[in-house]
Amino acid sequence: MLQELAGLVSLSNDHAALTLIVERYAALQAADRALLLPVLGSLFDLPLTGALAAQAASLAIDALNVVRYRLG
């Protein structure tokens, strides 16, 4: 999956590609929490706007909730 995402990042000015990237990163983050920081860092390097930016922010908030739950 990481190789597929690397290929899509080159298309990151295309809204459809950005949507696919965000969806794939969300799935990747859900499947492997060890990739949490790289996924979030990469997401926020993309030119996201509107709903995609909100979705990326939601992933970050969900990640913080996981950390808070595990520490609390």
PDB file of N, CA and C in Angstrom:
ATOM      1  N   MET A   1       0.824  -1.198   0.000  1.00  0.00           N
ATOM      2  CA  MET A   1       0.000   0.000   0.000  1.00  0.00           C
ATOM      3  C   MET A   1       0.864   1.256   0.000  1.00  0.00           C
ATOM      4  N   LEU A   2       1.997   1.208   0.686  1.00  0.00           N
ATOM      5  CA  LEU A   2       2.861   2.385   0.739  1.00  0.00           C
ATOM      6  C   LEU A   2       3.391   2.761  -0.633  1.00  0.00           C
ATOM      7  N   GLN A   3       3.696   1.776  -1.466  1.00  0.00           N
ATOM      8  CA  GLN A   3       4.171   2.071  -2.811  1.00  0.00           C
ATOM      9  C   GLN A   3       3.078   2.741  -3.634  1.00  0.00           C
ATOM     10  N   GLU A   4       1.851   2.278  -3.474  1.00  0.00           N
ATOM     11  CA  GLU A   4       0.715   2.887  -4.177  1.00  0.00           C
ATOM     12  C   GLU A   4       0.552   4.344  -3.759  1.00  0.00           C
ATOM     13  N   LEU A   5       0.671   4.612  -2.479  1.00  0.00           N
ATOM     14  CA  LEU A   5       0.532   5.981  -1.983  1.00  0.00           C
ATOM     15  C   LEU A   5       1.656   6.869  -2.479  1.00  0.00           C
ATOM     16  N   ALA A   6       2.853   6.330  -2.553  1.00  0.00           N
ATOM     17  CA  ALA A   6       3.978   7.121  -3.041  1.00  0.00           C
ATOM     18  C   ALA A   6       3.731   7.573  -4.477  1.00  0.00           C
ATOM     19  N   GLY A   7       3.140   6.715  -5.277  1.00  0.00           N
ATOM     20  CA  GLY A   7       2.811   7.086  -6.645  1.00  0.00           C
ATOM     21  C   GLY A   7       1.717   8.133  -6.718  1.00  0.00           C
ATOM     22  N   LEU A   8       0.782   8.085  -5.804  1.00  0.00           N
ATOM     23  CA  LEU A   8      -0.320   9.043  -5.803  1.00  0.00           C
ATOM     24  C   LEU A   8       0.113  10.426  -5.342  1.00  0.00           C
ATOM     25  N   VAL A   9       1.106  10.493  -4.466  1.00  0.00           N
ATOM     26  CA  VAL A   9       1.539  11.784  -3.938  1.00  0.00           C
ATOM     27  C   VAL A   9       2.011  12.701  -5.058  1.00  0.00           C
ATOM     28  N   SER A  10       2.564  12.133  -6.119  1.00  0.00           N
ATOM     29  CA  SER A  10       2.993  12.960  -7.240  1.00  0.00           C
ATOM     30  C   SER A  10       1.812  13.621  -7.941  1.00  0.00           C
ATOM     31  N   LEU A  11       0.604  13.109  -7.720  1.00  0.00           N
ATOM     32  CA  LEU A  11      -0.610  13.675  -8.311  1.00  0.00           C
ATOM     33  C   LEU A  11      -1.367  14.538  -7.304  1.00  0.00           C
ATOM     34  N   SER A  12      -0.680  15.020  -6.273  1.00  0.00           N
ATOM     35  CA  SER A  12      -1.350  15.622  -5.130  1.00  0.00           C
ATOM     36  C   SER A  12      -2.060  16.942  -5.413  1.00  0.00           C
ATOM     37  N   ASN A  13      -1.956  17.481  -6.623  1.00  0.00           N
ATOM     38  CA  ASN A  13      -2.738  18.677  -6.940  1.00  0.00           C
ATOM     39  C   ASN A  13      -4.093  18.327  -7.531  1.00  0.00           C
ATOM     40  N   ASP A  14      -4.341  17.058  -7.761  1.00  0.00           N
ATOM     41  CA  ASP A  14      -5.600  16.578  -8.313  1.00  0.00           C
ATOM     42  C   ASP A  14      -6.531  16.198  -7.162  1.00  0.00           C
ATOM     43  N   HIS A  15      -7.722  16.789  -7.121  1.00  0.00           N
ATOM     44  CA  HIS A  15      -8.644  16.560  -6.004  1.00  0.00           C
ATOM     45  C   HIS A  15      -9.009  15.087  -5.855  1.00  0.00           C
ATOM     46  N   ALA A  16      -9.249  14.400  -6.959  1.00  0.00           N
ATOM     47  CA  ALA A  16      -9.592  12.972  -6.888  1.00  0.00           C
ATOM     48  C   ALA A  16      -8.438  12.167  -6.291  1.00  0.00           C
ATOM     49  N   ALA A  17      -7.206  12.501  -6.672  1.00  0.00           N
ATOM     50  CA  ALA A  17      -6.036  11.809  -6.123  1.00  0.00           C
ATOM     51  C   ALA A  17      -5.891  12.118  -4.641  1.00  0.00           C
ATOM     52  N   LEU A  18      -6.102  13.365  -4.264  1.00  0.00           N
ATOM     53  CA  LEU A  18      -6.023  13.736  -2.848  1.00  0.00           C
ATOM     54  C   LEU A  18      -7.061  12.987  -2.025  1.00  0.00           C
ATOM     55  N   THR A  19      -8.260  12.868  -2.569  1.00  0.00           N
ATOM     56  CA  THR A  19      -9.318  12.125  -1.870  1.00  0.00           C
ATOM     57  C   THR A  19      -8.896  10.688  -1.657  1.00  0.00           C
ATOM     58  N   LEU A  20      -8.347  10.064  -2.679  1.00  0.00           N
ATOM     59  CA  LEU A  20      -7.890   8.682  -2.581  1.00  0.00           C
ATOM     60  C   LEU A  20      -6.747   8.554  -1.577  1.00  0.00           C
ATOM     61  N   ILE A  21      -5.826   9.496  -1.590  1.00  0.00           N
ATOM     62  CA  ILE A  21      -4.703   9.476  -0.646  1.00  0.00           C
ATOM     63  C   ILE A  21      -5.213   9.552   0.790  1.00  0.00           C
ATOM     64  N   VAL A  22      -6.124  10.470   1.067  1.00  0.00           N
ATOM     65  CA  VAL A  22      -6.656  10.616   2.425  1.00  0.00           C
ATOM     66  C   VAL A  22      -7.379   9.343   2.850  1.00  0.00           C
ATOM     67  N   GLU A  23      -8.170   8.764   1.962  1.00  0.00           N
ATOM     68  CA  GLU A  23      -8.881   7.523   2.286  1.00  0.00           C
ATOM     69  C   GLU A  23      -7.900   6.387   2.578  1.00  0.00           C
ATOM     70  N   ARG A  24      -6.866   6.269   1.756  1.00  0.00           N
ATOM     71  CA  ARG A  24      -5.874   5.200   1.947  1.00  0.00           C
ATOM     72  C   ARG A  24      -5.082   5.408   3.237  1.00  0.00           C
ATOM     73  N   TYR A  25      -4.720   6.650   3.519  1.00  0.00           N
ATOM     74  CA  TYR A  25      -4.003   6.922   4.765  1.00  0.00           C
ATOM     75  C   TYR A  25      -4.888   6.614   5.981  1.00  0.00           C
ATOM     76  N   ALA A  26      -6.151   6.914   5.898  1.00  0.00           N
ATOM     77  CA  ALA A  26      -7.067   6.592   7.004  1.00  0.00           C
ATOM     78  C   ALA A  26      -7.109   5.085   7.228  1.00  0.00           C
ATOM     79  N   ALA A  27      -7.182   4.321   6.143  1.00  0.00           N
ATOM     80  CA  ALA A  27      -7.194   2.865   6.256  1.00  0.00           C
ATOM     81  C   ALA A  27      -5.875   2.352   6.810  1.00  0.00           C
ATOM     82  N   LEU A  28      -4.786   2.931   6.358  1.00  0.00           N
ATOM     83  CA  LEU A  28      -3.459   2.533   6.824  1.00  0.00           C
ATOM     84  C   LEU A  28      -3.301   2.821   8.306  1.00  0.00           C
ATOM     85  N   GLN A  29      -3.744   3.977   8.729  1.00  0.00           N
ATOM     86  CA  GLN A  29      -3.656   4.359  10.147  1.00  0.00           C
ATOM     87  C   GLN A  29      -4.502   3.430  10.999  1.00  0.00           C
ATOM     88  N   ALA A  30      -5.673   3.052  10.514  1.00  0.00           N
ATOM     89  CA  ALA A  30      -6.541   2.151  11.271  1.00  0.00           C
ATOM     90  C   ALA A  30      -5.948   0.747  11.355  1.00  0.00           C
ATOM     91  N   ALA A  31      -5.244   0.332  10.313  1.00  0.00           N
ATOM     92  CA  ALA A  31      -4.687  -1.015  10.273  1.00  0.00           C
ATOM     93  C   ALA A  31      -3.410  -1.152  11.086  1.00  0.00           C
ATOM     94  N   ASP A  32      -2.634  -0.075  11.172  1.00  0.00           N
ATOM     95  CA  ASP A  32      -1.346  -0.152  11.852  1.00  0.00           C
ATOM     96  C   ASP A  32      -1.079   1.159  12.594  1.00  0.00           C
ATOM     97  N   ARG A  33      -1.368   1.167  13.867  1.00  0.00           N
ATOM     98  CA  ARG A  33      -1.200   2.384  14.678  1.00  0.00           C
ATOM     99  C   ARG A  33       0.253   2.814  14.796  1.00  0.00           C
ATOM    100  N   ALA A  34       1.194   1.918  14.491  1.00  0.00           N
ATOM    101  CA  ALA A  34       2.605   2.289  14.536  1.00  0.00           C
ATOM    102  C   ALA A  34       2.938   3.319  13.459  1.00  0.00           C
ATOM    103  N   LEU A  35       2.090   3.428  12.442  1.00  0.00           N
ATOM    104  CA  LEU A  35       2.309   4.384  11.354  1.00  0.00           C
ATOM    105  C   LEU A  35       1.597   5.713  11.598  1.00  0.00           C
ATOM    106  N   LEU A  36       1.085   5.892  12.778  1.00  0.00           N
ATOM    107  CA  LEU A  36       0.302   7.071  13.123  1.00  0.00           C
ATOM    108  C   LEU A  36       1.019   8.378  12.791  1.00  0.00           C
ATOM    109  N   LEU A  37       2.212   8.571  13.303  1.00  0.00           N
ATOM    110  CA  LEU A  37       2.920   9.833  13.071  1.00  0.00           C
ATOM    111  C   LEU A  37       3.335  10.027  11.609  1.00  0.00           C
ATOM    112  N   PRO A  38       3.885   9.007  10.953  1.00  0.00           N
ATOM    113  CA  PRO A  38       4.212   9.214   9.531  1.00  0.00           C
ATOM    114  C   PRO A  38       2.982   9.530   8.679  1.00  0.00           C
ATOM    115  N   VAL A  39       1.871   8.870   8.961  1.00  0.00           N
ATOM    116  CA  VAL A  39       0.640   9.122   8.200  1.00  0.00           C
ATOM    117  C   VAL A  39       0.177  10.557   8.412  1.00  0.00           C
ATOM    118  N   LEU A  40       0.098  10.980   9.663  1.00  0.00           N
ATOM    119  CA  LEU A  40      -0.366  12.343   9.947  1.00  0.00           C
ATOM    120  C   LEU A  40       0.591  13.379   9.379  1.00  0.00           C
ATOM    121  N   GLY A  41       1.885  13.140   9.523  1.00  0.00           N
ATOM    122  CA  GLY A  41       2.860  14.085   8.974  1.00  0.00           C
ATOM    123  C   GLY A  41       2.730  14.225   7.468  1.00  0.00           C
ATOM    124  N   SER A  42       2.563  13.101   6.805  1.00  0.00           N
ATOM    125  CA  SER A  42       2.421  13.125   5.354  1.00  0.00           C
ATOM    126  C   SER A  42       1.121  13.799   4.933  1.00  0.00           C
ATOM    127  N   LEU A  43       0.043  13.530   5.653  1.00  0.00           N
ATOM    128  CA  LEU A  43      -1.245  14.161   5.334  1.00  0.00           C
ATOM    129  C   LEU A  43      -1.154  15.681   5.404  1.00  0.00           C
ATOM    130  N   PHE A  44      -0.516  16.173   6.444  1.00  0.00           N
ATOM    131  CA  PHE A  44      -0.469  17.616   6.616  1.00  0.00           C
ATOM    132  C   PHE A  44       0.575  18.298   5.724  1.00  0.00           C
ATOM    133  N   ASP A  45       1.340  17.502   4.988  1.00  0.00           N
ATOM    134  CA  ASP A  45       2.232  18.053   3.964  1.00  0.00           C
ATOM    135  C   ASP A  45       1.507  18.221   2.628  1.00  0.00           C
ATOM    136  N   LEU A  46       0.332  17.632   2.508  1.00  0.00           N
ATOM    137  CA  LEU A  46      -0.435  17.712   1.262  1.00  0.00           C
ATOM    138  C   LEU A  46      -1.255  18.996   1.211  1.00  0.00           C
ATOM    139  N   PRO A  47      -1.548  19.484   0.023  1.00  0.00           N
ATOM    140  CA  PRO A  47      -2.356  20.710  -0.114  1.00  0.00           C
ATOM    141  C   PRO A  47      -3.854  20.431   0.047  1.00  0.00           C
ATOM    142  N   LEU A  48      -4.256  20.078   1.268  1.00  0.00           N
ATOM    143  CA  LEU A  48      -5.654  19.733   1.536  1.00  0.00           C
ATOM    144  C   LEU A  48      -6.468  20.984   1.848  1.00  0.00           C
ATOM    145  N   THR A  49      -7.683  21.006   1.354  1.00  0.00           N
ATOM    146  CA  THR A  49      -8.606  22.106   1.649  1.00  0.00           C
ATOM    147  C   THR A  49      -9.985  21.523   1.942  1.00  0.00           C
ATOM    148  N   GLY A  50     -10.822  22.331   2.510  1.00  0.00           N
ATOM    149  CA  GLY A  50     -12.216  21.969   2.716  1.00  0.00           C
ATOM    150  C   GLY A  50     -12.420  20.670   3.453  1.00  0.00           C
ATOM    151  N   ALA A  51     -13.238  19.800   2.870  1.00  0.00           N
ATOM    152  CA  ALA A  51     -13.612  18.551   3.512  1.00  0.00           C
ATOM    153  C   ALA A  51     -12.412  17.632   3.731  1.00  0.00           C
ATOM    154  N   LEU A  52     -11.453  17.654   2.822  1.00  0.00           N
ATOM    155  CA  LEU A  52     -10.278  16.793   2.993  1.00  0.00           C
ATOM    156  C   LEU A  52      -9.422  17.256   4.169  1.00  0.00           C
ATOM    157  N   ALA A  53      -9.283  18.551   4.335  1.00  0.00           N
ATOM    158  CA  ALA A  53      -8.551  19.082   5.484  1.00  0.00           C
ATOM    159  C   ALA A  53      -9.274  18.728   6.779  1.00  0.00           C
ATOM    160  N   ALA A  54     -10.583  18.804   6.760  1.00  0.00           N
ATOM    161  CA  ALA A  54     -11.378  18.441   7.936  1.00  0.00           C
ATOM    162  C   ALA A  54     -11.227  16.952   8.251  1.00  0.00           C
ATOM    163  N   GLN A  55     -11.197  16.130   7.220  1.00  0.00           N
ATOM    164  CA  GLN A  55     -11.028  14.693   7.426  1.00  0.00           C
ATOM    165  C   GLN A  55      -9.647  14.395   8.011  1.00  0.00           C
ATOM    166  N   ALA A  56      -8.619  15.067   7.524  1.00  0.00           N
ATOM    167  CA  ALA A  56      -7.268  14.887   8.067  1.00  0.00           C
ATOM    168  C   ALA A  56      -7.218  15.341   9.525  1.00  0.00           C
ATOM    169  N   ALA A  57      -7.861  16.444   9.831  1.00  0.00           N
ATOM    170  CA  ALA A  57      -7.907  16.923  11.223  1.00  0.00           C
ATOM    171  C   ALA A  57      -8.639  15.930  12.113  1.00  0.00           C
ATOM    172  N   SER A  58      -9.693  15.337  11.589  1.00  0.00           N
ATOM    173  CA  SER A  58     -10.441  14.330  12.334  1.00  0.00           C
ATOM    174  C   SER A  58      -9.577  13.109  12.633  1.00  0.00           C
ATOM    175  N   LEU A  59      -8.762  12.699  11.666  1.00  0.00           N
ATOM    176  CA  LEU A  59      -7.839  11.583  11.903  1.00  0.00           C
ATOM    177  C   LEU A  59      -6.857  11.928  13.025  1.00  0.00           C
ATOM    178  N   ALA A  60      -6.378  13.160  13.039  1.00  0.00           N
ATOM    179  CA  ALA A  60      -5.446  13.589  14.081  1.00  0.00           C
ATOM    180  C   ALA A  60      -6.122  13.588  15.451  1.00  0.00           C
ATOM    181  N   ILE A  61      -7.341  14.072  15.504  1.00  0.00           N
ATOM    182  CA  ILE A  61      -8.079  14.093  16.778  1.00  0.00           C
ATOM    183  C   ILE A  61      -8.352  12.679  17.260  1.00  0.00           C
ATOM    184  N   ASP A  62      -8.748  11.797  16.350  1.00  0.00           N
ATOM    185  CA  ASP A  62      -8.967  10.396  16.721  1.00  0.00           C
ATOM    186  C   ASP A  62      -7.686   9.776  17.258  1.00  0.00           C
ATOM    187  N   ALA A  63      -6.560  10.095  16.628  1.00  0.00           N
ATOM    188  CA  ALA A  63      -5.275   9.564  17.077  1.00  0.00           C
ATOM    189  C   ALA A  63      -4.945  10.053  18.482  1.00  0.00           C
ATOM    190  N   LEU A  64      -5.202  11.316  18.750  1.00  0.00           N
ATOM    191  CA  LEU A  64      -4.964  11.855  20.093  1.00  0.00           C
ATOM    192  C   LEU A  64      -5.847  11.169  21.127  1.00  0.00           C
ATOM    193  N   ASN A  65      -7.072  10.864  20.745  1.00  0.00           N
ATOM    194  CA  ASN A  65      -7.972  10.162  21.659  1.00  0.00           C
ATOM    195  C   ASN A  65      -7.456   8.767  21.982  1.00  0.00           C
ATOM    196  N   VAL A  66      -6.857   8.094  21.001  1.00  0.00           N
ATOM    197  CA  VAL A  66      -6.277   6.772  21.238  1.00  0.00           C
ATOM    198  C   VAL A  66      -5.131   6.892  22.233  1.00  0.00           C
ATOM    199  N   VAL A  67      -4.272   7.880  22.035  1.00  0.00           N
ATOM    200  CA  VAL A  67      -3.143   8.084  22.945  1.00  0.00           C
ATOM    201  C   VAL A  67      -3.651   8.421  24.341  1.00  0.00           C
ATOM    202  N   ARG A  68      -4.623   9.306  24.428  1.00  0.00           N
ATOM    203  CA  ARG A  68      -5.173   9.695  25.728  1.00  0.00           C
ATOM    204  C   ARG A  68      -5.760   8.478  26.446  1.00  0.00           C
ATOM    205  N   TYR A  69      -6.475   7.623  25.705  1.00  0.00           N
ATOM    206  CA  TYR A  69      -7.084   6.428  26.294  1.00  0.00           C
ATOM    207  C   TYR A  69      -6.018   5.497  26.823  1.00  0.00           C
ATOM    208  N   ARG A  70      -4.941   5.322  26.049  1.00  0.00           N
ATOM    209  CA  ARG A  70      -3.888   4.386  26.474  1.00  0.00           C
ATOM    210  C   ARG A  70      -3.084   4.929  27.642  1.00  0.00           C
ATOM    211  N   LEU A  71      -2.958   6.247  27.749  1.00  0.00           N
ATOM    212  CA  LEU A  71      -2.205   6.833  28.854  1.00  0.00           C
ATOM    213  C   LEU A  71      -3.049   7.000  30.110  1.00  0.00           C
ATOM    214  N   GLY A  72      -4.352   7.157  29.897  1.00  0.00           N
ATOM    215  CA  GLY A  72      -5.248   7.474  30.996  1.00  0.00           C
ATOM    216  C   GLY A  72      -5.655   6.307  31.766  1.00  0.00           C
TER     217      GLY A  72
END
